[in-house]
Amino acid sequence: MHSRLLLRSIISLILLFTCCLITSAQDETFTMTSVGSDNFLITPWDLAYGPDDLLWVTERETGRVLRVDPATGDRDELLR
């Protein structure tokens, strides 16, 4: 009987802790900024910040790899 009560208490604490983590993550702010014109990318597939603080973007249909400066919108096509 004590083991069931202990198990229920542990599960309740885990659920409570998980809910607190989810709630605190939702309090963070997010700012979206447009970079470049509407036809800047054809079919963006993956995006990552590089060690040079530039965005590295792959395009699915063209196979291009682009490096984009988020501050200026300048881009370099690295692979095609």
N, C-alpha and C. Protein backbone atom coordinates (compact mmCIF):
# COMPACT_ATOMS: atom_id res chain seq x y z
N MET A 1 0.83 -1.20 0.00
CA MET A 1 0.00 0.00 0.00
C MET A 1 0.86 1.25 0.00
N HIS A 2 1.93 1.24 0.81
CA HIS A 2 2.81 2.40 0.87
C HIS A 2 3.54 2.62 -0.46
N SER A 3 3.87 1.54 -1.14
CA SER A 3 4.59 1.67 -2.41
C SER A 3 3.69 2.30 -3.48
N ARG A 4 2.41 2.00 -3.48
CA ARG A 4 1.48 2.62 -4.44
C ARG A 4 1.35 4.11 -4.17
N LEU A 5 1.25 4.47 -2.91
CA LEU A 5 1.15 5.88 -2.53
C LEU A 5 2.42 6.63 -2.91
N LEU A 6 3.55 6.00 -2.66
CA LEU A 6 4.83 6.61 -3.02
C LEU A 6 4.95 6.78 -4.53
N LEU A 7 4.54 5.78 -5.29
CA LEU A 7 4.59 5.85 -6.74
C LEU A 7 3.68 6.96 -7.27
N ARG A 8 2.48 7.06 -6.72
CA ARG A 8 1.56 8.13 -7.14
C ARG A 8 2.13 9.51 -6.80
N SER A 9 2.77 9.64 -5.66
CA SER A 9 3.37 10.92 -5.27
C SER A 9 4.50 11.30 -6.20
N ILE A 10 5.32 10.33 -6.55
CA ILE A 10 6.44 10.60 -7.46
C ILE A 10 5.93 11.01 -8.84
N ILE A 11 4.94 10.30 -9.34
CA ILE A 11 4.36 10.65 -10.65
C ILE A 11 3.74 12.04 -10.61
N SER A 12 3.05 12.37 -9.53
CA SER A 12 2.45 13.70 -9.40
C SER A 12 3.51 14.79 -9.39
N LEU A 13 4.61 14.56 -8.69
CA LEU A 13 5.70 15.55 -8.66
C LEU A 13 6.34 15.71 -10.04
N ILE A 14 6.52 14.62 -10.75
CA ILE A 14 7.10 14.70 -12.09
C ILE A 14 6.18 15.49 -13.02
N LEU A 15 4.88 15.22 -12.97
CA LEU A 15 3.93 15.97 -13.81
C LEU A 15 3.90 17.44 -13.45
N LEU A 16 3.93 17.75 -12.18
CA LEU A 16 3.94 19.15 -11.74
C LEU A 16 5.19 19.86 -12.22
N PHE A 17 6.34 19.21 -12.08
CA PHE A 17 7.60 19.80 -12.52
C PHE A 17 7.60 20.01 -14.03
N THR A 18 7.09 19.04 -14.79
CA THR A 18 7.03 19.15 -16.25
C THR A 18 6.13 20.30 -16.67
N CYS A 19 5.00 20.45 -16.03
CA CYS A 19 4.08 21.56 -16.35
C CYS A 19 4.73 22.91 -16.07
N CYS A 20 5.50 23.01 -15.00
CA CYS A 20 6.19 24.26 -14.68
C CYS A 20 7.23 24.59 -15.75
N LEU A 21 7.94 23.60 -16.23
CA LEU A 21 8.93 23.83 -17.28
C LEU A 21 8.28 24.30 -18.57
N ILE A 22 7.18 23.68 -18.94
CA ILE A 22 6.47 24.06 -20.17
C ILE A 22 5.94 25.48 -20.05
N THR A 23 5.38 25.84 -18.92
CA THR A 23 4.84 27.18 -18.71
C THR A 23 5.94 28.23 -18.77
N SER A 24 7.08 27.97 -18.17
CA SER A 24 8.15 28.96 -18.18
C SER A 24 8.74 29.12 -19.57
N ALA A 25 8.76 28.08 -20.38
CA ALA A 25 9.29 28.19 -21.74
C ALA A 25 8.37 29.05 -22.61
N GLN A 26 7.09 29.06 -22.32
CA GLN A 26 6.15 29.84 -23.11
C GLN A 26 6.20 31.32 -22.78
N ASP A 27 6.84 31.70 -21.69
CA ASP A 27 6.93 33.10 -21.31
C ASP A 27 8.01 33.85 -22.09
N GLU A 28 8.86 33.13 -22.84
CA GLU A 28 9.93 33.78 -23.58
C GLU A 28 9.35 34.55 -24.76
N THR A 29 9.98 35.65 -25.11
CA THR A 29 9.51 36.44 -26.24
C THR A 29 10.21 36.01 -27.52
N PHE A 30 9.57 36.24 -28.64
CA PHE A 30 10.09 35.86 -29.94
C PHE A 30 9.88 37.03 -30.88
N THR A 31 10.91 37.40 -31.60
CA THR A 31 10.80 38.48 -32.56
C THR A 31 11.15 37.94 -33.94
N MET A 32 10.28 38.17 -34.90
CA MET A 32 10.51 37.70 -36.27
C MET A 32 10.86 38.90 -37.14
N THR A 33 11.93 38.78 -37.91
CA THR A 33 12.36 39.85 -38.79
C THR A 33 12.51 39.29 -40.19
N SER A 34 11.95 39.98 -41.17
CA SER A 34 12.07 39.57 -42.56
C SER A 34 13.45 39.96 -43.09
N VAL A 35 14.08 39.04 -43.80
CA VAL A 35 15.40 39.29 -44.39
C VAL A 35 15.26 39.12 -45.90
N GLY A 36 15.53 40.17 -46.67
CA GLY A 36 15.47 40.07 -48.13
C GLY A 36 14.05 40.26 -48.65
N SER A 37 13.93 40.19 -49.97
CA SER A 37 12.64 40.38 -50.63
C SER A 37 11.81 39.10 -50.55
N ASP A 38 10.57 39.17 -51.06
CA ASP A 38 9.67 38.02 -51.00
C ASP A 38 10.19 36.82 -51.80
N ASN A 39 10.92 37.07 -52.88
CA ASN A 39 11.43 35.96 -53.69
C ASN A 39 12.91 35.69 -53.40
N PHE A 40 13.32 35.99 -52.20
CA PHE A 40 14.72 35.85 -51.77
C PHE A 40 15.17 34.39 -51.82
N LEU A 41 14.31 33.49 -51.37
CA LEU A 41 14.60 32.06 -51.39
C LEU A 41 13.47 31.35 -52.14
N ILE A 42 13.82 30.32 -52.90
CA ILE A 42 12.81 29.60 -53.68
C ILE A 42 12.10 28.58 -52.80
N THR A 43 12.82 27.63 -52.25
CA THR A 43 12.23 26.62 -51.36
C THR A 43 13.19 26.35 -50.21
N PRO A 44 13.21 27.23 -49.21
CA PRO A 44 14.13 27.01 -48.08
C PRO A 44 13.80 25.70 -47.38
N TRP A 45 14.83 24.96 -47.02
CA TRP A 45 14.63 23.64 -46.42
C TRP A 45 15.17 23.58 -45.00
N ASP A 46 16.39 24.05 -44.80
CA ASP A 46 16.98 24.01 -43.47
C ASP A 46 17.73 25.31 -43.23
N LEU A 47 17.79 25.73 -41.99
CA LEU A 47 18.40 27.00 -41.64
C LEU A 47 19.17 26.81 -40.35
N ALA A 48 20.38 27.37 -40.31
CA ALA A 48 21.19 27.26 -39.09
C ALA A 48 22.09 28.48 -39.00
N TYR A 49 22.38 28.90 -37.76
CA TYR A 49 23.38 29.94 -37.55
C TYR A 49 24.75 29.29 -37.59
N GLY A 50 25.64 29.88 -38.39
CA GLY A 50 27.00 29.37 -38.48
C GLY A 50 27.88 30.01 -37.43
N PRO A 51 29.11 29.52 -37.29
CA PRO A 51 30.05 30.09 -36.32
C PRO A 51 30.46 31.52 -36.69
N ASP A 52 30.14 31.92 -37.92
CA ASP A 52 30.44 33.29 -38.39
C ASP A 52 29.28 34.24 -38.15
N ASP A 53 28.25 33.82 -37.39
CA ASP A 53 27.04 34.60 -37.08
C ASP A 53 26.21 34.92 -38.33
N LEU A 54 26.38 34.12 -39.37
CA LEU A 54 25.56 34.26 -40.56
C LEU A 54 24.60 33.07 -40.63
N LEU A 55 23.50 33.25 -41.35
CA LEU A 55 22.54 32.16 -41.53
C LEU A 55 22.97 31.31 -42.71
N TRP A 56 22.99 30.01 -42.51
CA TRP A 56 23.28 29.07 -43.58
C TRP A 56 21.96 28.41 -43.95
N VAL A 57 21.59 28.49 -45.23
CA VAL A 57 20.28 28.03 -45.67
C VAL A 57 20.46 27.05 -46.83
N THR A 58 19.73 25.96 -46.79
CA THR A 58 19.69 25.04 -47.92
C THR A 58 18.32 25.15 -48.58
N GLU A 59 18.31 24.96 -49.90
CA GLU A 59 17.06 24.96 -50.65
C GLU A 59 16.80 23.56 -51.17
N ARG A 60 15.60 23.10 -50.98
CA ARG A 60 15.26 21.71 -51.30
C ARG A 60 15.29 21.44 -52.81
N GLU A 61 14.59 22.23 -53.60
CA GLU A 61 14.45 21.92 -55.03
C GLU A 61 15.68 22.29 -55.85
N THR A 62 16.36 23.35 -55.48
CA THR A 62 17.52 23.78 -56.27
C THR A 62 18.81 23.16 -55.79
N GLY A 63 18.85 22.68 -54.54
CA GLY A 63 20.07 22.10 -53.99
C GLY A 63 21.11 23.14 -53.61
N ARG A 64 20.73 24.39 -53.61
CA ARG A 64 21.69 25.45 -53.28
C ARG A 64 21.94 25.53 -51.78
N VAL A 65 23.14 25.96 -51.44
CA VAL A 65 23.50 26.29 -50.06
C VAL A 65 23.88 27.77 -50.08
N LEU A 66 23.17 28.54 -49.28
CA LEU A 66 23.37 29.99 -49.23
C LEU A 66 23.84 30.40 -47.85
N ARG A 67 24.63 31.45 -47.82
CA ARG A 67 25.04 32.07 -46.56
C ARG A 67 24.47 33.48 -46.59
N VAL A 68 23.67 33.81 -45.58
CA VAL A 68 22.93 35.08 -45.56
C VAL A 68 23.32 35.89 -44.33
N ASP A 69 23.59 37.17 -44.55
CA ASP A 69 23.85 38.09 -43.44
C ASP A 69 22.50 38.62 -42.97
N PRO A 70 22.05 38.26 -41.76
CA PRO A 70 20.72 38.69 -41.32
C PRO A 70 20.62 40.20 -41.10
N ALA A 71 21.72 40.87 -40.89
CA ALA A 71 21.69 42.33 -40.66
C ALA A 71 21.48 43.10 -41.96
N THR A 72 22.08 42.63 -43.06
CA THR A 72 22.02 43.38 -44.32
C THR A 72 21.18 42.70 -45.39
N GLY A 73 20.96 41.39 -45.27
CA GLY A 73 20.25 40.66 -46.31
C GLY A 73 21.15 40.21 -47.44
N ASP A 74 22.44 40.53 -47.37
CA ASP A 74 23.38 40.08 -48.41
C ASP A 74 23.50 38.57 -48.35
N ARG A 75 23.63 37.95 -49.53
CA ARG A 75 23.74 36.49 -49.55
C ARG A 75 24.85 36.06 -50.52
N ASP A 76 25.46 34.94 -50.18
CA ASP A 76 26.47 34.31 -51.01
C ASP A 76 25.98 32.91 -51.33
N GLU A 77 26.01 32.56 -52.61
CA GLU A 77 25.66 31.20 -53.01
C GLU A 77 26.93 30.38 -52.95
N LEU A 78 26.97 29.39 -52.06
CA LEU A 78 28.20 28.62 -51.83
C LEU A 78 28.22 27.35 -52.66
N LEU A 79 27.09 26.67 -52.80
CA LEU A 79 27.02 25.43 -53.58
C LEU A 79 25.76 25.44 -54.42
N ARG A 80 25.86 24.79 -55.56
CA ARG A 80 24.67 24.64 -56.42
C ARG A 80 24.61 23.24 -56.95
